[in-house]
Structures are given as structure tokens and as C-alpha cells.
C-alpha atoms as a PDB file:
ATOM      1  CA  UNK A   1     -24.477   0.078  -1.765  1.00  0.00           C
ATOM      2  CA  UNK A   2     -20.751  -0.318  -2.478  1.00  0.00           C
ATOM      3  CA  UNK A   3     -21.181   1.705  -5.664  1.00  0.00           C
ATOM      4  CA  UNK A   4     -22.686   4.505  -3.534  1.00  0.00           C
ATOM      5  CA  UNK A   5     -19.663   4.541  -1.230  1.00  0.00           C
ATOM      6  CA  UNK A   6     -17.232   4.621  -4.168  1.00  0.00           C
ATOM      7  CA  UNK A   7     -19.293   7.370  -5.816  1.00  0.00           C
ATOM      8  CA  UNK A   8     -19.364   9.529  -2.652  1.00  0.00           C
ATOM      9  CA  UNK A   9     -15.631   9.125  -2.130  1.00  0.00           C
ATOM     10  CA  UNK A  10     -14.872   9.897  -5.772  1.00  0.00           C
ATOM     11  CA  UNK A  11     -17.207  12.917  -5.751  1.00  0.00           C
ATOM     12  CA  UNK A  12     -15.503  14.336  -2.657  1.00  0.00           C
ATOM     13  CA  UNK A  13     -12.052  13.894  -4.172  1.00  0.00           C
ATOM     14  CA  UNK A  14     -13.027  15.458  -7.527  1.00  0.00           C
ATOM     15  CA  UNK A  15     -15.033  18.313  -6.026  1.00  0.00           C
ATOM     16  CA  UNK A  16     -12.770  19.376  -3.209  1.00  0.00           C
ATOM     17  CA  UNK A  17      -9.368  18.027  -4.207  1.00  0.00           C
ATOM     18  CA  UNK A  18      -7.421  15.452  -2.261  1.00  0.00           C
ATOM     19  CA  UNK A  19      -6.310  17.649   0.635  1.00  0.00           C
ATOM     20  CA  UNK A  20      -9.744  19.096   1.431  1.00  0.00           C
ATOM     21  CA  UNK A  21     -11.426  15.763   0.835  1.00  0.00           C
ATOM     22  CA  UNK A  22      -9.096  14.144   3.342  1.00  0.00           C
ATOM     23  CA  UNK A  23      -9.304  16.878   5.973  1.00  0.00           C
ATOM     24  CA  UNK A  24     -12.867  18.260   5.907  1.00  0.00           C
ATOM     25  CA  UNK A  25     -15.219  16.359   3.647  1.00  0.00           C
ATOM     26  CA  UNK A  26     -14.758  12.851   5.096  1.00  0.00           C
ATOM     27  CA  UNK A  27     -16.629  13.697   8.283  1.00  0.00           C
ATOM     28  CA  UNK A  28     -19.733  14.648   6.303  1.00  0.00           C
ATOM     29  CA  UNK A  29     -19.350  11.745   3.886  1.00  0.00           C
ATOM     30  CA  UNK A  30     -18.737   9.309   6.757  1.00  0.00           C
ATOM     31  CA  UNK A  31     -21.858  10.461   8.611  1.00  0.00           C
ATOM     32  CA  UNK A  32     -23.922   9.851   5.465  1.00  0.00           C
ATOM     33  CA  UNK A  33     -22.303   6.524   4.561  1.00  0.00           C
ATOM     34  CA  UNK A  34     -22.572   5.043   8.050  1.00  0.00           C
ATOM     35  CA  UNK A  35     -26.356   5.258   7.673  1.00  0.00           C
ATOM     36  CA  UNK A  36     -26.250   2.776   4.807  1.00  0.00           C
ATOM     37  CA  UNK A  37     -26.987  -0.843   5.718  1.00  0.00           C
ATOM     38  CA  UNK A  38     -23.858  -2.913   6.170  1.00  0.00           C
ATOM     39  CA  UNK A  39     -21.588   0.096   6.729  1.00  0.00           C
ATOM     40  CA  UNK A  40     -19.768   1.158   9.877  1.00  0.00           C
ATOM     41  CA  UNK A  41     -17.443   4.092  10.406  1.00  0.00           C
ATOM     42  CA  UNK A  42     -14.742   3.815  13.050  1.00  0.00           C
ATOM     43  CA  UNK A  43     -13.918   7.236  14.441  1.00  0.00           C
ATOM     44  CA  UNK A  44     -10.520   8.454  15.638  1.00  0.00           C
ATOM     45  CA  UNK A  45      -9.730   9.849  19.059  1.00  0.00           C
ATOM     46  CA  UNK A  46     -10.063  13.377  17.664  1.00  0.00           C
ATOM     47  CA  UNK A  47     -13.555  12.737  16.268  1.00  0.00           C
ATOM     48  CA  UNK A  48     -12.442  12.452  12.650  1.00  0.00           C
ATOM     49  CA  UNK A  49     -13.327   9.397  10.540  1.00  0.00           C
ATOM     50  CA  UNK A  50     -10.600   6.777  10.588  1.00  0.00           C
ATOM     51  CA  UNK A  51     -11.972   3.706   8.801  1.00  0.00           C
ATOM     52  CA  UNK A  52     -15.081   2.795   6.817  1.00  0.00           C
ATOM     53  CA  UNK A  53     -15.990  -0.883   7.073  1.00  0.00           C
ATOM     54  CA  UNK A  54     -18.436  -2.350   4.560  1.00  0.00           C
ATOM     55  CA  UNK A  55     -19.592  -5.820   5.542  1.00  0.00           C
ATOM     56  CA  UNK A  56     -19.528  -8.077   2.478  1.00  0.00           C
ATOM     57  CA  UNK A  57     -19.894 -11.440   4.256  1.00  0.00           C
ATOM     58  CA  UNK A  58     -21.600 -11.184   7.595  1.00  0.00           C
ATOM     59  CA  UNK A  59     -24.285 -13.857   7.429  1.00  0.00           C
ATOM     60  CA  UNK A  60     -23.356 -17.220   8.979  1.00  0.00           C
ATOM     61  CA  UNK A  61     -20.401 -15.430  10.624  1.00  0.00           C
ATOM     62  CA  UNK A  62     -19.729 -18.423  12.855  1.00  0.00           C
ATOM     63  CA  UNK A  63     -19.117 -20.684   9.857  1.00  0.00           C
ATOM     64  CA  UNK A  64     -17.550 -18.353   7.295  1.00  0.00           C
ATOM     65  CA  UNK A  65     -14.766 -15.820   7.629  1.00  0.00           C
ATOM     66  CA  UNK A  66     -15.803 -12.193   7.768  1.00  0.00           C
ATOM     67  CA  UNK A  67     -15.090 -10.298   4.568  1.00  0.00           C
ATOM     68  CA  UNK A  68     -14.987  -6.521   4.735  1.00  0.00           C
ATOM     69  CA  UNK A  69     -14.188  -3.744   2.327  1.00  0.00           C
ATOM     70  CA  UNK A  70     -12.163  -1.139   4.244  1.00  0.00           C
ATOM     71  CA  UNK A  71     -11.535   2.461   3.315  1.00  0.00           C
ATOM     72  CA  UNK A  72      -8.884   4.187   5.411  1.00  0.00           C
ATOM     73  CA  UNK A  73      -9.644   7.897   5.610  1.00  0.00           C
ATOM     74  CA  UNK A  74      -6.289   8.291   7.347  1.00  0.00           C
ATOM     75  CA  UNK A  75      -3.593   6.331   9.163  1.00  0.00           C
ATOM     76  CA  UNK A  76      -3.248   5.542  12.854  1.00  0.00           C
ATOM     77  CA  UNK A  77      -1.722   8.938  13.618  1.00  0.00           C
ATOM     78  CA  UNK A  78      -2.629   9.244  17.297  1.00  0.00           C
ATOM     79  CA  UNK A  79      -3.116   5.601  18.042  1.00  0.00           C
ATOM     80  CA  UNK A  80      -0.820   3.228  19.821  1.00  0.00           C
ATOM     81  CA  UNK A  81      -0.253  -0.113  18.146  1.00  0.00           C
ATOM     82  CA  UNK A  82      -3.365  -2.302  18.229  1.00  0.00           C
ATOM     83  CA  UNK A  83      -4.263  -5.960  17.945  1.00  0.00           C
ATOM     84  CA  UNK A  84      -7.203  -7.679  16.253  1.00  0.00           C
ATOM     85  CA  UNK A  85      -9.734 -10.100  17.766  1.00  0.00           C
ATOM     86  CA  UNK A  86      -9.286 -12.763  15.070  1.00  0.00           C
ATOM     87  CA  UNK A  87      -6.962 -15.745  15.130  1.00  0.00           C
ATOM     88  CA  UNK A  88      -5.662 -14.680  11.717  1.00  0.00           C
ATOM     89  CA  UNK A  89      -6.690 -12.018   9.245  1.00  0.00           C
ATOM     90  CA  UNK A  90      -5.525 -10.861   5.841  1.00  0.00           C
ATOM     91  CA  UNK A  91      -5.623  -7.526   4.084  1.00  0.00           C
ATOM     92  CA  UNK A  92      -5.349  -7.189   0.308  1.00  0.00           C
ATOM     93  CA  UNK A  93      -4.476  -3.675  -0.794  1.00  0.00           C
ATOM     94  CA  UNK A  94      -6.823  -2.572  -3.586  1.00  0.00           C
ATOM     95  CA  UNK A  95      -5.761   1.063  -4.003  1.00  0.00           C
ATOM     96  CA  UNK A  96      -3.521   3.522  -2.231  1.00  0.00           C
ATOM     97  CA  UNK A  97      -1.220   1.777   0.176  1.00  0.00           C
ATOM     98  CA  UNK A  98       0.218   1.965   3.641  1.00  0.00           C
ATOM     99  CA  UNK A  99       3.309   1.446   5.713  1.00  0.00           C
ATOM    100  CA  UNK A 100       2.669  -0.949   8.564  1.00  0.00           C
ATOM    101  CA  UNK A 101       4.658  -0.642  11.768  1.00  0.00           C
ATOM    102  CA  UNK A 102       4.594  -4.009  13.515  1.00  0.00           C
ATOM    103  CA  UNK A 103       5.851  -4.693  17.037  1.00  0.00           C
ATOM    104  CA  UNK A 104       8.200  -7.643  17.111  1.00  0.00           C
ATOM    105  CA  UNK A 105       8.407 -10.213  19.959  1.00  0.00           C
ATOM    106  CA  UNK A 106      11.637  -8.617  21.251  1.00  0.00           C
ATOM    107  CA  UNK A 107       9.836  -5.243  21.641  1.00  0.00           C
ATOM    108  CA  UNK A 108      11.434  -3.680  18.564  1.00  0.00           C
ATOM    109  CA  UNK A 109       9.460  -2.622  15.498  1.00  0.00           C
ATOM    110  CA  UNK A 110       9.560  -3.526  11.833  1.00  0.00           C
ATOM    111  CA  UNK A 111       8.102  -1.388   9.060  1.00  0.00           C
ATOM    112  CA  UNK A 112       6.888  -2.723   5.736  1.00  0.00           C
ATOM    113  CA  UNK A 113       5.225  -0.956   2.817  1.00  0.00           C
ATOM    114  CA  UNK A 114       2.145  -2.497   1.184  1.00  0.00           C
ATOM    115  CA  UNK A 115       1.031  -1.478  -2.319  1.00  0.00           C
ATOM    116  CA  UNK A 116      -1.998  -2.379  -4.489  1.00  0.00           C
ATOM    117  CA  UNK A 117      -2.075  -6.139  -4.970  1.00  0.00           C
ATOM    118  CA  UNK A 118      -0.010  -6.881  -1.853  1.00  0.00           C
ATOM    119  CA  UNK A 119      -1.237  -9.262   0.844  1.00  0.00           C
ATOM    120  CA  UNK A 120      -0.699  -8.503   4.541  1.00  0.00           C
ATOM    121  CA  UNK A 121      -1.228 -11.466   6.911  1.00  0.00           C
ATOM    122  CA  UNK A 122      -1.954 -10.411  10.488  1.00  0.00           C
ATOM    123  CA  UNK A 123      -1.756 -12.995  13.271  1.00  0.00           C
ATOM    124  CA  UNK A 124      -3.972 -12.625  16.326  1.00  0.00           C
ATOM    125  CA  UNK A 125      -1.048 -11.796  18.596  1.00  0.00           C
ATOM    126  CA  UNK A 126       0.305  -9.078  16.278  1.00  0.00           C
ATOM    127  CA  UNK A 127       0.307  -5.458  17.420  1.00  0.00           C
ATOM    128  CA  UNK A 128       0.587  -2.969  14.567  1.00  0.00           C
ATOM    129  CA  UNK A 129      -0.361   0.420  13.205  1.00  0.00           C
ATOM    130  CA  UNK A 130      -0.608   1.825   9.675  1.00  0.00           C
ATOM    131  CA  UNK A 131       0.339   5.118   8.059  1.00  0.00           C
ATOM    132  CA  UNK A 132      -1.071   5.874   4.623  1.00  0.00           C
ATOM    133  CA  UNK A 133       1.326   6.530   1.770  1.00  0.00           C
ATOM    134  CA  UNK A 134      -1.110   8.943   0.179  1.00  0.00           C
ATOM    135  CA  UNK A 135      -4.689  10.054   0.687  1.00  0.00           C
ATOM    136  CA  UNK A 136      -7.101   7.165   1.175  1.00  0.00           C
ATOM    137  CA  UNK A 137      -6.597   3.430   0.899  1.00  0.00           C
ATOM    138  CA  UNK A 138      -9.044   0.649  -0.049  1.00  0.00           C
ATOM    139  CA  UNK A 139      -8.439  -2.887   1.204  1.00  0.00           C
ATOM    140  CA  UNK A 140     -10.275  -6.184   1.125  1.00  0.00           C
ATOM    141  CA  UNK A 141     -10.037  -7.535   4.673  1.00  0.00           C
ATOM    142  CA  UNK A 142     -10.695 -11.183   5.516  1.00  0.00           C
ATOM    143  CA  UNK A 143     -11.118 -12.013   9.192  1.00  0.00           C
ATOM    144  CA  UNK A 144     -10.792 -15.526  10.555  1.00  0.00           C
ATOM    145  CA  UNK A 145     -12.315 -16.947  13.695  1.00  0.00           C
ATOM    146  CA  UNK A 146     -12.807 -14.447  16.538  1.00  0.00           C
ATOM    147  CA  UNK A 147     -10.759 -15.754  19.463  1.00  0.00           C
ATOM    148  CA  UNK A 148     -10.355 -12.836  21.868  1.00  0.00           C
ATOM    149  CA  UNK A 149     -10.951  -9.178  22.526  1.00  0.00           C
ATOM    150  CA  UNK A 150      -8.679  -6.578  20.974  1.00  0.00           C
ATOM    151  CA  UNK A 151      -6.987  -3.487  22.229  1.00  0.00           C
ATOM    152  CA  UNK A 152      -4.054  -1.119  22.229  1.00  0.00           C
ATOM    153  CA  UNK A 153      -0.514  -1.254  23.554  1.00  0.00           C
ATOM    154  CA  UNK A 154       1.486   1.854  24.400  1.00  0.00           C
ATOM    155  CA  UNK A 155       4.615  -0.206  25.155  1.00  0.00           C
ATOM    156  CA  UNK A 156       5.704  -3.859  25.181  1.00  0.00           C
ATOM    157  CA  UNK A 157       3.945  -5.876  27.873  1.00  0.00           C
ATOM    158  CA  UNK A 158       1.125  -3.327  28.215  1.00  0.00           C
ATOM    159  CA  UNK A 159      -2.415  -4.068  26.976  1.00  0.00           C
ATOM    160  CA  UNK A 160      -5.453  -1.789  27.198  1.00  0.00           C
ATOM    161  CA  UNK A 161      -8.784  -3.241  26.012  1.00  0.00           C
ATOM    162  CA  UNK A 162     -10.394  -1.012  23.379  1.00  0.00           C
ATOM    163  CA  UNK A 163     -13.424  -0.276  25.602  1.00  0.00           C
ATOM    164  CA  UNK A 164     -11.187   0.971  28.421  1.00  0.00           C
ATOM    165  CA  UNK A 165      -9.173   3.106  26.027  1.00  0.00           C
ATOM    166  CA  UNK A 166     -12.292   4.653  24.467  1.00  0.00           C
ATOM    167  CA  UNK A 167     -13.597   5.483  27.946  1.00  0.00           C
ATOM    168  CA  UNK A 168     -10.241   6.988  29.003  1.00  0.00           C
ATOM    169  CA  UNK A 169     -10.000   9.127  25.850  1.00  0.00           C
ATOM    170  CA  UNK A 170     -13.577  10.394  26.343  1.00  0.00           C
ATOM    171  CA  UNK A 171     -12.820  11.313  29.958  1.00  0.00           C
ATOM    172  CA  UNK A 172      -9.627  13.116  28.940  1.00  0.00           C
ATOM    173  CA  UNK A 173     -11.610  15.214  26.435  1.00  0.00           C
ATOM    174  CA  UNK A 174     -14.057  16.391  29.118  1.00  0.00           C
END
């Protein structure tokens, strides 16, 4: 299964070139890949594919951490900073890379670049967003114990659960 995802991504990049593969082909590839068992595509507000999640460890989820292979089709361009539902999680950059913008407790932001081989630890109370350094980024993502819901924050002190935000965005499109 994972070989199929790598092959489809590689084929799109070789056939159409990086720019077309990133702008047009991913929607088609994502619709095909999300039909594979253990794969989920997370779509952006504009209907374009944002993230491919391949579940590597999903069985016995209550006892073991979740382990996912993530492929970022693009960064968080239209998204506010977001949190995660896990007490702690870690992302190991496998290829590509990203710049993470992290909201600090005082309301300011800090940016840090992550390259292949780097480890990014994300606490449950962290709000962040990522921008890709170049087209596509593969990460190995390890999620700890789920402790809460997750959502978005437009500004310090503001929290919008992801379900409410998805509903609001859908209504705004109509």
C-alpha cells in the first residue's frame, strides 16, 4: 500500500513536473489514494488536498501510540493556527521540509525550519501552522494519548473546534 502511494506521487511529479503535480494532479491522486485501506486525505478549505495520512499503527490504539506516514500536498496557507488532540506528538521529517509557525504563551509567534532528519515535538496545548519549503513533504508522525478535541485559533484566547470551523467554511461557500 505505501509503495503504491509513493509510486503515484513519484509518477505525478515525473509526468507533470513539480508545479503541475502540486497544483492540479494531487486532487486526482488524492481521490484515488484515499480509497486505499488505511489512507485518509484531509482536504483544505478550498477543496484541494492538504494532507495524506497513512495509518501505520492503528490496531490497539488505546495501548500504543498512533503512527502515521504524512504527505503534505501543501502548507497551511488559508488556515489559522491549529492544535492537536494528543497529549504529545512528534513529527520526523523524512523528505522536503517545512517552516513551523508556533504561537507562544505570550501571544507572539516563533518560526522554526525543519529539514529531513529533524524531530518536531508538539505538545497538546501548542497552536501551530506549517508552510512547506518546497513542493511536498513526507513525515513520520507519532501521536500520543488522545486527551481532547482539536481546533483552530484565529487569535490568542480564541478557540474554534474543527467541526464548527468546517461547518462555518461550508456555509460561507454556499
